[in-house]
Amino acid sequence: MASNVLLKTEFKDLKLFRRGKVRDVYDLGDKLLIVSTDRISCFDVVLPSGVPDKGKVLTSISCFWFDFIKGIIRHHLITVDADKYPQELKKYNSDLAGRSMLVLKTKPLPVECVVRGYLSGSGWKEYQEKGSICGINLPKGLSESDKLSEPIFTPTTKADVGHDQSINQENVQDLVGLDIAGRLKKTSIDIYKRASSFALEKGIIIADTKFEFGMHNNEMIIIDEVLTPDSSRFWPLDEYKPGVSQPSFDKQFVRDYLETLDWNKTPPAPVLPEEIIRQTREKYLDAYRKLTGKELI
């Protein structure tokens, strides 16, 4: 299984723009080449084990959603067809096919746009302590995984290293101005509502998700990945039971496994057992299958 994993790209004749937790991004002038590797990160630590086909799932799901939301906002995707990439990329086709995107280069806005429709994860922890999330007061007596009466916008800073920090709408206004701040909130919630309604029909609850936006020719467009199992919590609708943590299609499964270990959540991370890798791969593929009605491979 491990032989099918792409953990890192080394395209020496291309300019490396940045290497994220999962993506290797190359600078092509006014465009970027985004390669989704099979790396997996938990607790902001990249694990030594990769998950086969994970990068292909992330790319394919993002493409599906980019097309789905194009009526709400423009996106940065140009093409995922490696045969249509610039000539200098042809030699890397075997690494790029199915797991890369050619996109517009934008000026990213310094905000992670998190939308929550259910009470889970860090939001649940904050609610238990304060009765609110990011300064938004919630009704008393809510349980873990409860559906919120309306989705809430709970933005964070974008940290290249370490943890993102929760901020409120006033902080967002300070960072990007009143107009853009309002559009970030409205657009994020609009996308979440439309996508989560669609996913529900396919048997998936999107409990929460995060979006990133950038400016291109003075226009705000959506960038990065969209509504993937890495940027969202996907729960199986037929197993949903409020009051407890939910089974999931995303990397929460790996987080739950790591929580059983004697590991302090700092590098180096432990190697994942083959069975955990196999089950994680199947969860990612199952999410793609349910949402799109297609087989990835």
Protein backbone atom coordinates (compact mmCIF):
# COMPACT_ATOMS: atom_id res chain seq x y z
CA MET A 1 0.00 0.00 0.00
CA ALA A 2 2.76 2.45 0.96
CA SER A 3 4.26 2.31 -2.54
CA ASN A 4 1.23 4.19 -3.90
CA VAL A 5 1.75 7.13 -1.56
CA LEU A 6 3.11 10.50 -2.67
CA LEU A 7 4.51 12.23 0.41
CA LYS A 8 6.52 15.00 -1.23
CA THR A 9 7.26 16.50 -4.64
CA GLU A 10 10.68 17.76 -5.66
CA PHE A 11 10.31 19.64 -8.93
CA LYS A 12 13.78 21.19 -8.93
CA ASP A 13 13.32 23.37 -12.03
CA LEU A 14 10.11 24.93 -10.66
CA LYS A 15 9.95 27.66 -8.04
CA LEU A 16 8.55 26.29 -4.78
CA PHE A 17 5.98 28.82 -3.55
CA ARG A 18 5.30 27.04 -0.27
CA ARG A 19 5.04 23.60 1.22
CA GLY A 20 1.98 23.29 3.42
CA LYS A 21 0.89 20.48 5.70
CA VAL A 22 -0.63 18.62 2.74
CA ARG A 23 0.00 20.68 -0.41
CA ASP A 24 3.15 21.52 -2.34
CA VAL A 25 2.59 24.78 -4.22
CA TYR A 26 4.73 25.98 -7.13
CA ASP A 27 4.93 29.50 -8.54
CA LEU A 28 4.27 29.79 -12.28
CA GLY A 29 4.17 33.58 -12.49
CA ASP A 30 0.54 34.67 -12.59
CA LYS A 31 -0.58 31.12 -11.80
CA LEU A 32 0.11 28.51 -9.14
CA LEU A 33 0.42 24.75 -9.38
CA ILE A 34 -1.12 23.11 -6.31
CA VAL A 35 -0.19 19.48 -5.73
CA SER A 36 -2.19 17.58 -3.11
CA THR A 37 0.11 14.97 -1.61
CA ASP A 38 -0.99 12.03 0.51
CA ARG A 39 0.38 13.62 3.67
CA ILE A 40 -1.96 13.81 6.62
CA SER A 41 -1.68 16.21 9.54
CA CYS A 42 -3.34 16.03 12.94
CA PHE A 43 -3.03 18.53 15.77
CA ASP A 44 -0.96 20.68 13.36
CA VAL A 45 1.68 17.96 13.07
CA VAL A 46 2.37 16.19 9.78
CA LEU A 47 2.40 12.43 10.31
CA PRO A 48 5.17 10.26 8.83
CA SER A 49 2.55 7.97 7.26
CA GLY A 50 0.66 8.91 4.12
CA VAL A 51 -2.82 7.79 3.08
CA PRO A 52 -2.94 6.35 -0.47
CA ASP A 53 -5.14 8.35 -2.89
CA LYS A 54 -5.89 11.02 -0.28
CA GLY A 55 -4.50 13.79 -2.49
CA LYS A 56 -6.62 12.60 -5.40
CA VAL A 57 -9.75 12.62 -3.23
CA LEU A 58 -9.04 16.15 -1.98
CA THR A 59 -8.50 17.43 -5.53
CA SER A 60 -11.54 15.68 -6.99
CA ILE A 61 -13.90 16.76 -4.20
CA SER A 62 -12.68 20.36 -4.44
CA CYS A 63 -13.31 20.32 -8.21
CA PHE A 64 -16.81 19.00 -7.64
CA TRP A 65 -17.62 21.77 -5.15
CA PHE A 66 -15.95 24.54 -7.17
CA ASP A 67 -18.37 23.72 -9.97
CA PHE A 68 -21.27 23.44 -7.51
CA ILE A 69 -20.75 26.92 -5.97
CA LYS A 70 -19.75 28.85 -9.11
CA GLY A 71 -23.10 30.65 -9.04
CA ILE A 72 -22.27 32.06 -5.58
CA ILE A 73 -18.69 33.17 -6.13
CA ARG A 74 -15.89 32.85 -8.67
CA HIS A 75 -13.10 30.39 -7.86
CA HIS A 76 -9.39 30.19 -8.65
CA LEU A 77 -9.43 26.88 -10.52
CA ILE A 78 -8.24 26.99 -14.15
CA THR A 79 -7.94 23.26 -14.88
CA VAL A 80 -7.11 19.91 -13.31
CA ASP A 81 -6.33 18.30 -16.66
CA ALA A 82 -2.57 17.74 -16.55
CA ASP A 83 -2.57 17.43 -20.35
CA LYS A 84 -3.57 21.12 -20.51
CA TYR A 85 -0.80 22.30 -18.18
CA PRO A 86 2.10 24.43 -19.43
CA GLN A 87 4.80 22.56 -21.36
CA GLU A 88 7.36 22.72 -18.54
CA LEU A 89 5.08 20.56 -16.37
CA LYS A 90 4.65 17.69 -18.86
CA LYS A 91 7.61 15.73 -17.49
CA TYR A 92 5.88 15.56 -14.08
CA ASN A 93 2.56 14.21 -15.39
CA SER A 94 2.81 10.94 -13.46
CA ASP A 95 2.94 12.85 -10.16
CA LEU A 96 0.42 15.50 -11.19
CA ALA A 97 -2.36 13.48 -12.82
CA GLY A 98 -5.49 13.43 -10.66
CA ARG A 99 -3.96 15.23 -7.69
CA SER A 100 -3.08 18.74 -8.88
CA MET A 101 -4.75 22.00 -9.86
CA LEU A 102 -3.59 24.87 -12.03
CA VAL A 103 -5.04 27.98 -10.39
CA LEU A 104 -4.96 31.76 -10.55
CA LYS A 105 -2.47 33.41 -8.24
CA THR A 106 -4.29 35.70 -5.83
CA LYS A 107 -3.53 37.84 -2.82
CA PRO A 108 -4.91 35.62 -0.03
CA LEU A 109 -7.01 37.31 2.64
CA PRO A 110 -5.57 36.72 6.16
CA VAL A 111 -8.67 34.99 7.55
CA GLU A 112 -9.78 31.36 7.82
CA CYS A 113 -13.54 31.51 7.26
CA VAL A 114 -15.01 28.83 9.52
CA VAL A 115 -18.73 28.04 9.42
CA ARG A 116 -20.32 25.78 12.01
CA GLY A 117 -23.72 24.17 11.68
CA TYR A 118 -23.24 21.74 14.56
CA LEU A 119 -21.55 21.91 17.95
CA SER A 120 -18.32 19.95 17.72
CA GLY A 121 -14.55 20.04 18.11
CA SER A 122 -13.00 23.25 19.44
CA GLY A 123 -16.40 24.93 19.20
CA TRP A 124 -17.90 22.41 21.62
CA LYS A 125 -14.97 22.92 24.02
CA GLU A 126 -15.37 26.71 23.91
CA TYR A 127 -19.13 26.46 24.40
CA GLN A 128 -18.63 24.30 27.50
CA GLU A 129 -16.31 26.92 28.99
CA LYS A 130 -18.02 30.14 27.93
CA GLY A 131 -21.48 29.34 26.56
CA SER A 132 -20.37 31.03 23.35
CA ILE A 133 -18.11 30.58 20.31
CA CYS A 134 -16.02 33.50 19.00
CA GLY A 135 -18.16 35.90 21.03
CA ILE A 136 -21.42 34.48 19.62
CA ASN A 137 -23.70 33.55 22.52
CA LEU A 138 -25.51 30.24 22.10
CA PRO A 139 -28.55 28.84 23.92
CA LYS A 140 -27.90 27.12 27.23
CA GLY A 141 -28.15 23.36 27.58
CA LEU A 142 -26.79 22.33 24.18
CA SER A 143 -25.11 18.93 23.89
CA GLU A 144 -22.11 17.82 21.88
CA SER A 145 -22.93 17.42 18.16
CA ASP A 146 -26.24 19.30 18.49
CA LYS A 147 -27.45 21.04 15.33
CA LEU A 148 -27.43 24.83 15.73
CA SER A 149 -30.60 26.74 14.87
CA GLU A 150 -28.60 28.67 12.24
CA PRO A 151 -25.02 28.23 10.97
CA ILE A 152 -22.55 30.59 12.67
CA PHE A 153 -19.43 32.28 11.29
CA THR A 154 -16.45 31.69 13.59
CA PRO A 155 -13.33 32.96 11.80
CA THR A 156 -9.73 32.40 12.80
CA THR A 157 -6.35 33.84 11.92
CA LYS A 158 -4.24 31.97 9.36
CA ALA A 159 -1.13 30.59 11.01
CA ASP A 160 1.68 29.17 8.86
CA VAL A 161 3.11 27.59 12.00
CA GLY A 162 1.18 26.40 15.04
CA HIS A 163 -2.50 26.93 15.76
CA ASP A 164 -4.95 29.35 14.18
CA GLN A 165 -6.42 31.75 16.73
CA SER A 166 -10.16 32.40 17.02
CA ILE A 167 -11.23 35.97 16.22
CA ASN A 168 -14.55 37.78 16.02
CA GLN A 169 -16.19 39.78 13.23
CA GLU A 170 -14.72 43.05 14.53
CA ASN A 171 -11.23 41.53 14.29
CA VAL A 172 -11.98 40.49 10.72
CA GLN A 173 -13.02 44.07 9.92
CA ASP A 174 -9.72 45.32 11.33
CA LEU A 175 -7.84 42.88 9.09
CA VAL A 176 -9.67 43.33 5.77
CA GLY A 177 -12.06 46.26 6.13
CA LEU A 178 -15.80 46.50 6.71
CA ASP A 179 -16.96 45.64 3.19
CA ILE A 180 -14.78 42.57 2.64
CA ALA A 181 -15.44 41.34 6.20
CA GLY A 182 -19.18 41.42 5.57
CA ARG A 183 -18.81 39.64 2.23
CA LEU A 184 -16.58 36.95 3.75
CA LYS A 185 -19.22 36.18 6.37
CA LYS A 186 -22.20 36.22 4.00
CA THR A 187 -20.47 34.23 1.24
CA SER A 188 -19.14 31.61 3.66
CA ILE A 189 -22.57 31.04 5.20
CA ASP A 190 -24.27 30.99 1.78
CA ILE A 191 -21.87 28.33 0.49
CA TYR A 192 -22.21 26.27 3.66
CA LYS A 193 -26.02 26.35 3.56
CA ARG A 194 -26.24 25.31 -0.08
CA ALA A 195 -23.55 22.63 0.16
CA SER A 196 -24.72 21.15 3.45
CA SER A 197 -28.29 20.89 2.12
CA PHE A 198 -27.00 19.01 -0.94
CA ALA A 199 -24.75 16.76 1.15
CA LEU A 200 -27.62 15.89 3.48
CA GLU A 201 -29.52 14.46 0.51
CA LYS A 202 -26.45 12.26 -0.13
CA GLY A 203 -26.36 11.00 3.46
CA ILE A 204 -23.58 13.26 4.74
CA ILE A 205 -23.83 15.90 7.46
CA ILE A 206 -21.30 18.72 7.00
CA ALA A 207 -20.91 19.69 10.64
CA ASP A 208 -18.48 22.53 9.98
CA THR A 209 -16.02 23.66 7.35
CA LYS A 210 -13.51 26.37 6.54
CA PHE A 211 -12.96 28.45 3.42
CA GLU A 212 -10.18 30.67 2.18
CA PHE A 213 -10.55 33.67 -0.12
CA GLY A 214 -8.18 35.85 -2.10
CA MET A 215 -8.24 38.99 -4.22
CA HIS A 216 -7.74 38.71 -7.99
CA ASN A 217 -7.95 41.89 -10.09
CA ASN A 218 -9.80 43.57 -7.21
CA GLU A 219 -12.37 40.77 -7.09
CA MET A 220 -12.85 38.45 -4.10
CA ILE A 221 -12.71 34.81 -5.18
CA ILE A 222 -12.58 31.51 -3.31
CA ILE A 223 -9.23 29.72 -3.25
CA ASP A 224 -7.42 26.71 -1.77
CA GLU A 225 -9.61 23.63 -1.25
CA VAL A 226 -13.38 23.55 -0.74
CA LEU A 227 -15.53 21.29 1.45
CA THR A 228 -13.09 18.38 1.57
CA PRO A 229 -12.69 15.83 4.38
CA ASP A 230 -9.55 17.78 5.39
CA SER A 231 -11.26 21.17 5.68
CA SER A 232 -14.61 19.93 7.01
CA ARG A 233 -16.24 17.54 9.45
CA PHE A 234 -18.28 15.00 7.47
CA TRP A 235 -20.61 12.77 9.49
CA PRO A 236 -22.73 9.85 8.21
CA LEU A 237 -26.36 10.92 8.50
CA ASP A 238 -27.60 7.41 9.24
CA GLU A 239 -25.37 7.19 12.34
CA TYR A 240 -26.00 10.71 13.68
CA LYS A 241 -26.77 10.74 17.39
CA PRO A 242 -26.57 14.06 19.29
CA GLY A 243 -24.95 14.06 22.71
CA VAL A 244 -21.75 12.25 21.78
CA SER A 245 -18.82 12.55 19.38
CA GLN A 246 -19.79 11.32 15.90
CA PRO A 247 -18.18 8.79 13.58
CA SER A 248 -16.80 10.62 10.55
CA PHE A 249 -15.57 10.43 6.97
CA ASP A 250 -12.70 12.79 7.71
CA LYS A 251 -9.40 12.66 9.54
CA GLN A 252 -11.16 12.79 12.92
CA PHE A 253 -10.85 9.01 12.73
CA VAL A 254 -7.05 9.39 12.81
CA ARG A 255 -7.22 12.02 15.56
CA ASP A 256 -9.30 9.63 17.68
CA TYR A 257 -6.71 6.88 17.19
CA LEU A 258 -3.85 9.22 18.11
CA GLU A 259 -5.70 10.27 21.27
CA THR A 260 -5.36 6.66 22.51
CA LEU A 261 -1.56 6.87 22.33
CA ASP A 262 0.95 8.26 24.79
CA TRP A 263 1.95 11.09 22.44
CA ASN A 264 2.24 14.76 23.40
CA LYS A 265 1.07 16.04 19.98
CA THR A 266 4.45 17.51 19.07
CA PRO A 267 6.89 16.21 16.42
CA PRO A 268 7.92 13.55 15.78
CA ALA A 269 4.50 12.02 15.25
CA PRO A 270 3.97 8.25 15.52
CA VAL A 271 3.74 5.99 12.47
CA LEU A 272 0.17 4.89 11.74
CA PRO A 273 -0.61 1.16 11.64
CA GLU A 274 -1.52 -0.23 8.21
CA GLU A 275 -5.08 -0.95 9.35
CA ILE A 276 -5.65 2.67 10.41
CA ILE A 277 -4.25 3.84 7.06
CA ARG A 278 -6.49 1.41 5.17
CA GLN A 279 -9.63 2.48 7.03
CA THR A 280 -8.77 6.17 6.63
CA ARG A 281 -8.29 5.75 2.88
CA GLU A 282 -11.69 4.03 2.63
CA LYS A 283 -13.37 6.87 4.55
CA TYR A 284 -11.98 9.47 2.15
CA LEU A 285 -13.03 7.41 -0.88
CA ASP A 286 -16.47 6.80 0.62
CA ALA A 287 -17.00 10.53 1.13
CA TYR A 288 -16.19 11.14 -2.55
CA ARG A 289 -18.44 8.28 -3.63
CA LYS A 290 -21.43 9.50 -1.60
CA LEU A 291 -21.14 13.14 -2.63
CA THR A 292 -20.51 12.70 -6.34
CA GLY A 293 -22.14 9.34 -7.06
CA LYS A 294 -18.93 8.32 -8.80
CA GLU A 295 -16.01 6.01 -8.14
CA LEU A 296 -12.64 7.77 -7.91
CA ILE A 297 -10.63 4.71 -8.84
